[in-house]
Amino acid sequence: MKQLIVIAMILTVAACGQPERLKSSGGPVSRGMPMAFGPISKACMASDRKRRSRELCGCIQAVADDTLSFAQQRRAVGFYRNPHEAQEIRQSDRARDEDFWTAYRAYGDQAERQCS
């Protein structure tokens, strides 16, 4: 059950614009939301999600810039190509992976609050 929740969280952040994010009257990102360009926004825009947008991808990149180091961002980009990689990191006992996962979860929570 824990695995399903974690995968759902990863896919929510990594999905770049699932339909439920578009139900608000202002679209996925309202005015005044942060906007940035970087490795996560690039991977987001390159994803095959139909509902991705520059605004949403830019917002999650801005949150990543505030919460993740550049190296952590590069590592998170791999989740777009291989979501199972996130599960492997989450379950790892290595301190480096645990530190990354803690930072990534904080990023995901913040991106969900600011960009939805």
N, C-alpha and C. Protein backbone atom coordinates (compact mmCIF):
# COMPACT_ATOMS: atom_id res chain seq x y z
N MET A 1 0.82 -1.18 0.00
CA MET A 1 0.00 0.00 0.00
C MET A 1 0.87 1.26 0.00
N LYS A 2 1.93 1.26 0.86
CA LYS A 2 2.85 2.38 0.89
C LYS A 2 3.44 2.65 -0.49
N GLN A 3 3.78 1.59 -1.18
CA GLN A 3 4.39 1.73 -2.50
C GLN A 3 3.44 2.41 -3.47
N LEU A 4 2.17 2.08 -3.41
CA LEU A 4 1.20 2.70 -4.30
C LEU A 4 1.06 4.19 -4.01
N ILE A 5 1.08 4.55 -2.74
CA ILE A 5 0.98 5.96 -2.38
C ILE A 5 2.20 6.73 -2.87
N VAL A 6 3.36 6.16 -2.68
CA VAL A 6 4.59 6.82 -3.12
C VAL A 6 4.62 6.94 -4.63
N ILE A 7 4.26 5.90 -5.33
CA ILE A 7 4.24 5.96 -6.79
C ILE A 7 3.23 7.00 -7.26
N ALA A 8 2.07 7.06 -6.61
CA ALA A 8 1.07 8.07 -6.98
C ALA A 8 1.62 9.47 -6.77
N MET A 9 2.34 9.69 -5.68
CA MET A 9 2.93 11.01 -5.43
C MET A 9 3.95 11.35 -6.52
N ILE A 10 4.78 10.40 -6.86
CA ILE A 10 5.80 10.62 -7.89
C ILE A 10 5.14 10.95 -9.21
N LEU A 11 4.15 10.17 -9.58
CA LEU A 11 3.50 10.39 -10.86
C LEU A 11 2.72 11.70 -10.88
N THR A 12 2.18 12.10 -9.74
CA THR A 12 1.48 13.38 -9.68
C THR A 12 2.42 14.52 -10.00
N VAL A 13 3.59 14.49 -9.39
CA VAL A 13 4.57 15.56 -9.65
C VAL A 13 5.19 15.41 -11.02
N ALA A 14 5.55 14.19 -11.37
CA ALA A 14 6.26 13.98 -12.63
C ALA A 14 5.35 14.02 -13.84
N ALA A 15 4.07 13.92 -13.65
CA ALA A 15 3.15 13.82 -14.78
C ALA A 15 3.01 15.10 -15.58
N CYS A 16 3.33 16.22 -14.99
CA CYS A 16 3.24 17.50 -15.72
C CYS A 16 1.88 17.76 -16.30
N GLY A 17 0.88 17.79 -15.47
CA GLY A 17 -0.40 18.27 -15.97
C GLY A 17 -1.45 17.22 -16.16
N GLN A 18 -1.68 16.40 -15.21
CA GLN A 18 -2.79 15.48 -15.32
C GLN A 18 -4.09 16.28 -15.29
N PRO A 19 -5.16 15.76 -15.83
CA PRO A 19 -6.40 16.50 -15.96
C PRO A 19 -6.93 17.12 -14.67
N GLU A 20 -6.79 16.45 -13.52
CA GLU A 20 -7.32 17.03 -12.30
C GLU A 20 -6.64 18.34 -11.94
N ARG A 21 -5.46 18.58 -12.42
CA ARG A 21 -4.79 19.85 -12.17
C ARG A 21 -5.40 20.97 -13.00
N LEU A 22 -6.15 20.62 -14.02
CA LEU A 22 -6.69 21.63 -14.93
C LEU A 22 -8.13 22.01 -14.60
N LYS A 23 -8.69 21.50 -13.54
CA LYS A 23 -10.08 21.77 -13.21
C LYS A 23 -10.30 23.15 -12.61
N SER A 24 -9.28 23.76 -12.07
CA SER A 24 -9.45 25.08 -11.50
C SER A 24 -9.72 26.08 -12.60
N SER A 25 -10.38 27.18 -12.27
CA SER A 25 -10.77 28.14 -13.29
C SER A 25 -9.58 28.81 -13.94
N GLY A 26 -8.46 28.90 -13.26
CA GLY A 26 -7.30 29.58 -13.81
C GLY A 26 -6.32 28.68 -14.51
N GLY A 27 -6.66 27.42 -14.76
CA GLY A 27 -5.73 26.50 -15.39
C GLY A 27 -4.82 25.90 -14.34
N PRO A 28 -3.76 25.25 -14.74
CA PRO A 28 -2.91 24.55 -13.79
C PRO A 28 -2.11 25.47 -12.89
N VAL A 29 -1.86 26.67 -13.34
CA VAL A 29 -1.05 27.60 -12.56
C VAL A 29 -1.71 28.96 -12.65
N SER A 30 -1.96 29.57 -11.52
CA SER A 30 -2.57 30.89 -11.55
C SER A 30 -1.50 31.96 -11.61
N ARG A 31 -1.91 33.17 -11.93
CA ARG A 31 -0.96 34.28 -12.02
C ARG A 31 -0.18 34.43 -10.72
N GLY A 32 1.05 34.85 -10.87
CA GLY A 32 1.88 35.06 -9.69
C GLY A 32 2.62 33.81 -9.24
N MET A 33 2.38 32.69 -9.89
CA MET A 33 3.08 31.47 -9.54
C MET A 33 4.52 31.56 -10.04
N PRO A 34 5.43 30.91 -9.35
CA PRO A 34 6.82 30.94 -9.78
C PRO A 34 6.99 30.29 -11.15
N MET A 35 8.03 30.69 -11.85
CA MET A 35 8.30 30.15 -13.18
C MET A 35 9.81 30.08 -13.37
N ALA A 36 10.29 28.96 -13.90
CA ALA A 36 11.72 28.80 -14.14
C ALA A 36 11.92 27.78 -15.25
N PHE A 37 13.14 27.74 -15.78
CA PHE A 37 13.50 26.76 -16.79
C PHE A 37 14.74 26.02 -16.30
N GLY A 38 14.74 24.71 -16.46
CA GLY A 38 15.88 23.90 -16.03
C GLY A 38 15.64 22.45 -16.39
N PRO A 39 16.38 21.54 -15.79
CA PRO A 39 16.31 20.14 -16.19
C PRO A 39 14.94 19.50 -15.95
N ILE A 40 14.27 19.88 -14.87
CA ILE A 40 12.97 19.28 -14.59
C ILE A 40 11.91 19.83 -15.54
N SER A 41 11.92 21.13 -15.79
CA SER A 41 10.93 21.69 -16.72
C SER A 41 11.16 21.13 -18.13
N LYS A 42 12.40 20.94 -18.50
CA LYS A 42 12.71 20.38 -19.82
C LYS A 42 12.19 18.95 -19.93
N ALA A 43 12.42 18.14 -18.91
CA ALA A 43 11.93 16.76 -18.93
C ALA A 43 10.41 16.74 -18.90
N CYS A 44 9.82 17.63 -18.16
CA CYS A 44 8.36 17.74 -18.10
C CYS A 44 7.79 18.06 -19.48
N MET A 45 8.35 19.04 -20.14
CA MET A 45 7.85 19.42 -21.47
C MET A 45 8.10 18.33 -22.51
N ALA A 46 9.14 17.54 -22.33
CA ALA A 46 9.45 16.46 -23.27
C ALA A 46 8.61 15.21 -22.99
N SER A 47 7.91 15.19 -21.87
CA SER A 47 7.12 14.01 -21.53
C SER A 47 5.95 13.88 -22.50
N ASP A 48 5.34 12.71 -22.49
CA ASP A 48 4.24 12.45 -23.42
C ASP A 48 2.88 12.80 -22.83
N ARG A 49 2.84 13.53 -21.76
CA ARG A 49 1.57 13.91 -21.14
C ARG A 49 0.85 14.93 -22.00
N LYS A 50 -0.39 14.69 -22.30
CA LYS A 50 -1.16 15.58 -23.17
C LYS A 50 -1.42 16.93 -22.52
N ARG A 51 -1.55 16.98 -21.23
CA ARG A 51 -1.93 18.20 -20.53
C ARG A 51 -0.76 19.00 -19.97
N ARG A 52 0.45 18.67 -20.34
CA ARG A 52 1.58 19.44 -19.83
C ARG A 52 1.49 20.86 -20.38
N SER A 53 2.10 21.77 -19.67
CA SER A 53 2.10 23.16 -20.13
C SER A 53 3.39 23.82 -19.68
N ARG A 54 3.74 24.87 -20.36
CA ARG A 54 4.93 25.63 -19.96
C ARG A 54 4.77 26.18 -18.56
N GLU A 55 3.56 26.62 -18.26
CA GLU A 55 3.30 27.20 -16.94
C GLU A 55 3.49 26.17 -15.83
N LEU A 56 2.89 25.00 -16.00
CA LEU A 56 3.01 23.97 -14.97
C LEU A 56 4.44 23.46 -14.86
N CYS A 57 5.07 23.16 -15.98
CA CYS A 57 6.44 22.66 -15.96
C CYS A 57 7.39 23.72 -15.40
N GLY A 58 7.15 24.99 -15.73
CA GLY A 58 7.96 26.08 -15.19
C GLY A 58 7.77 26.24 -13.70
N CYS A 59 6.54 26.04 -13.25
CA CYS A 59 6.27 26.15 -11.81
C CYS A 59 6.98 25.05 -11.03
N ILE A 60 6.88 23.81 -11.51
CA ILE A 60 7.54 22.75 -10.75
C ILE A 60 9.06 22.89 -10.80
N GLN A 61 9.58 23.48 -11.87
CA GLN A 61 11.02 23.76 -11.93
C GLN A 61 11.39 24.82 -10.90
N ALA A 62 10.57 25.86 -10.77
CA ALA A 62 10.85 26.92 -9.78
C ALA A 62 10.86 26.34 -8.37
N VAL A 63 9.94 25.45 -8.09
CA VAL A 63 9.92 24.80 -6.78
C VAL A 63 11.17 23.94 -6.61
N ALA A 64 11.55 23.23 -7.66
CA ALA A 64 12.77 22.41 -7.60
C ALA A 64 13.98 23.29 -7.32
N ASP A 65 14.04 24.46 -7.95
CA ASP A 65 15.16 25.37 -7.72
C ASP A 65 15.25 25.80 -6.26
N ASP A 66 14.09 25.90 -5.61
CA ASP A 66 14.04 26.31 -4.20
C ASP A 66 14.30 25.17 -3.23
N THR A 67 14.07 23.93 -3.66
CA THR A 67 14.11 22.81 -2.70
C THR A 67 15.16 21.74 -2.99
N LEU A 68 15.63 21.65 -4.24
CA LEU A 68 16.59 20.61 -4.60
C LEU A 68 17.87 21.22 -5.13
N SER A 69 18.99 20.57 -4.86
CA SER A 69 20.24 20.99 -5.48
C SER A 69 20.19 20.62 -6.96
N PHE A 70 21.12 21.17 -7.74
CA PHE A 70 21.15 20.85 -9.16
C PHE A 70 21.38 19.35 -9.36
N ALA A 71 22.24 18.76 -8.57
CA ALA A 71 22.50 17.31 -8.69
C ALA A 71 21.23 16.51 -8.37
N GLN A 72 20.48 16.94 -7.37
CA GLN A 72 19.23 16.26 -7.04
C GLN A 72 18.21 16.42 -8.17
N GLN A 73 18.19 17.58 -8.80
CA GLN A 73 17.29 17.79 -9.93
C GLN A 73 17.63 16.85 -11.08
N ARG A 74 18.92 16.73 -11.37
CA ARG A 74 19.34 15.83 -12.45
C ARG A 74 18.94 14.38 -12.13
N ARG A 75 19.04 14.02 -10.88
CA ARG A 75 18.66 12.67 -10.48
C ARG A 75 17.14 12.47 -10.62
N ALA A 76 16.37 13.47 -10.26
CA ALA A 76 14.92 13.39 -10.35
C ALA A 76 14.44 13.32 -11.80
N VAL A 77 15.18 13.91 -12.72
CA VAL A 77 14.81 13.86 -14.14
C VAL A 77 14.69 12.41 -14.60
N GLY A 78 15.51 11.54 -14.04
CA GLY A 78 15.44 10.12 -14.40
C GLY A 78 14.08 9.49 -14.14
N PHE A 79 13.31 10.06 -13.22
CA PHE A 79 11.99 9.51 -12.91
C PHE A 79 11.03 9.68 -14.07
N TYR A 80 11.25 10.68 -14.89
CA TYR A 80 10.38 10.87 -16.06
C TYR A 80 10.56 9.71 -17.04
N ARG A 81 11.78 9.26 -17.20
CA ARG A 81 12.07 8.15 -18.11
C ARG A 81 11.77 6.80 -17.49
N ASN A 82 12.01 6.68 -16.19
CA ASN A 82 11.89 5.40 -15.52
C ASN A 82 11.30 5.60 -14.12
N PRO A 83 9.97 5.65 -13.99
CA PRO A 83 9.36 5.86 -12.67
C PRO A 83 9.75 4.79 -11.64
N HIS A 84 10.08 3.59 -12.11
CA HIS A 84 10.48 2.53 -11.18
C HIS A 84 11.77 2.89 -10.43
N GLU A 85 12.59 3.71 -11.05
CA GLU A 85 13.83 4.15 -10.40
C GLU A 85 13.53 4.86 -9.07
N ALA A 86 12.45 5.60 -9.05
CA ALA A 86 12.05 6.29 -7.82
C ALA A 86 11.74 5.28 -6.71
N GLN A 87 11.06 4.21 -7.09
CA GLN A 87 10.74 3.17 -6.11
C GLN A 87 12.01 2.53 -5.56
N GLU A 88 12.98 2.29 -6.42
CA GLU A 88 14.24 1.69 -5.97
C GLU A 88 14.97 2.61 -5.00
N ILE A 89 14.97 3.89 -5.29
CA ILE A 89 15.63 4.86 -4.40
C ILE A 89 14.90 4.94 -3.08
N ARG A 90 13.57 4.97 -3.14
CA ARG A 90 12.77 5.07 -1.91
C ARG A 90 13.03 3.89 -0.98
N GLN A 91 13.23 2.72 -1.55
CA GLN A 91 13.43 1.52 -0.74
C GLN A 91 14.88 1.27 -0.37
N SER A 92 15.78 2.04 -0.89
CA SER A 92 17.20 1.84 -0.64
C SER A 92 17.56 2.13 0.82
N ASP A 93 18.56 1.40 1.32
CA ASP A 93 19.05 1.63 2.67
C ASP A 93 20.27 2.54 2.71
N ARG A 94 20.74 2.96 1.54
CA ARG A 94 21.91 3.83 1.50
C ARG A 94 21.55 5.23 1.99
N ALA A 95 22.43 5.80 2.79
CA ALA A 95 22.18 7.13 3.36
C ALA A 95 21.99 8.18 2.26
N ARG A 96 22.77 8.08 1.21
CA ARG A 96 22.65 9.05 0.11
C ARG A 96 21.25 9.00 -0.50
N ASP A 97 20.73 7.80 -0.71
CA ASP A 97 19.39 7.64 -1.27
C ASP A 97 18.32 8.14 -0.30
N GLU A 98 18.50 7.85 0.97
CA GLU A 98 17.54 8.31 1.98
C GLU A 98 17.50 9.84 2.05
N ASP A 99 18.67 10.47 2.00
CA ASP A 99 18.73 11.94 2.00
C ASP A 99 18.05 12.51 0.76
N PHE A 100 18.33 11.91 -0.38
CA PHE A 100 17.70 12.36 -1.61
C PHE A 100 16.19 12.21 -1.52
N TRP A 101 15.72 11.07 -1.03
CA TRP A 101 14.28 10.81 -0.99
C TRP A 101 13.58 11.80 -0.06
N THR A 102 14.20 12.14 1.04
CA THR A 102 13.62 13.13 1.95
C THR A 102 13.47 14.47 1.25
N ALA A 103 14.50 14.88 0.54
CA ALA A 103 14.45 16.15 -0.20
C ALA A 103 13.43 16.07 -1.33
N TYR A 104 13.37 14.95 -2.02
CA TYR A 104 12.44 14.80 -3.13
C TYR A 104 10.99 14.85 -2.66
N ARG A 105 10.70 14.22 -1.55
CA ARG A 105 9.33 14.26 -1.00
C ARG A 105 8.95 15.68 -0.61
N ALA A 106 9.87 16.41 0.00
CA ALA A 106 9.60 17.81 0.35
C ALA A 106 9.33 18.62 -0.92
N TYR A 107 10.11 18.37 -1.95
CA TYR A 107 9.90 19.03 -3.24
C TYR A 107 8.52 18.70 -3.80
N GLY A 108 8.17 17.44 -3.80
CA GLY A 108 6.86 17.01 -4.33
C GLY A 108 5.70 17.65 -3.59
N ASP A 109 5.80 17.69 -2.27
CA ASP A 109 4.75 18.32 -1.47
C ASP A 109 4.62 19.79 -1.79
N GLN A 110 5.76 20.48 -1.87
CA GLN A 110 5.76 21.92 -2.16
C GLN A 110 5.23 22.20 -3.58
N ALA A 111 5.64 21.40 -4.54
CA ALA A 111 5.19 21.59 -5.93
C ALA A 111 3.68 21.37 -6.03
N GLU A 112 3.19 20.40 -5.31
CA GLU A 112 1.74 20.16 -5.33
C GLU A 112 0.97 21.35 -4.75
N ARG A 113 1.48 21.93 -3.69
CA ARG A 113 0.82 23.09 -3.07
C ARG A 113 0.89 24.33 -3.98
N GLN A 114 2.04 24.57 -4.57
CA GLN A 114 2.23 25.81 -5.33
C GLN A 114 1.76 25.73 -6.77
N CYS A 115 1.75 24.56 -7.35
CA CYS A 115 1.53 24.47 -8.80
C CYS A 115 0.20 23.84 -9.19
N SER A 116 -0.62 23.50 -8.24
CA SER A 116 -1.91 22.89 -8.61
C SER A 116 -3.03 23.87 -8.49
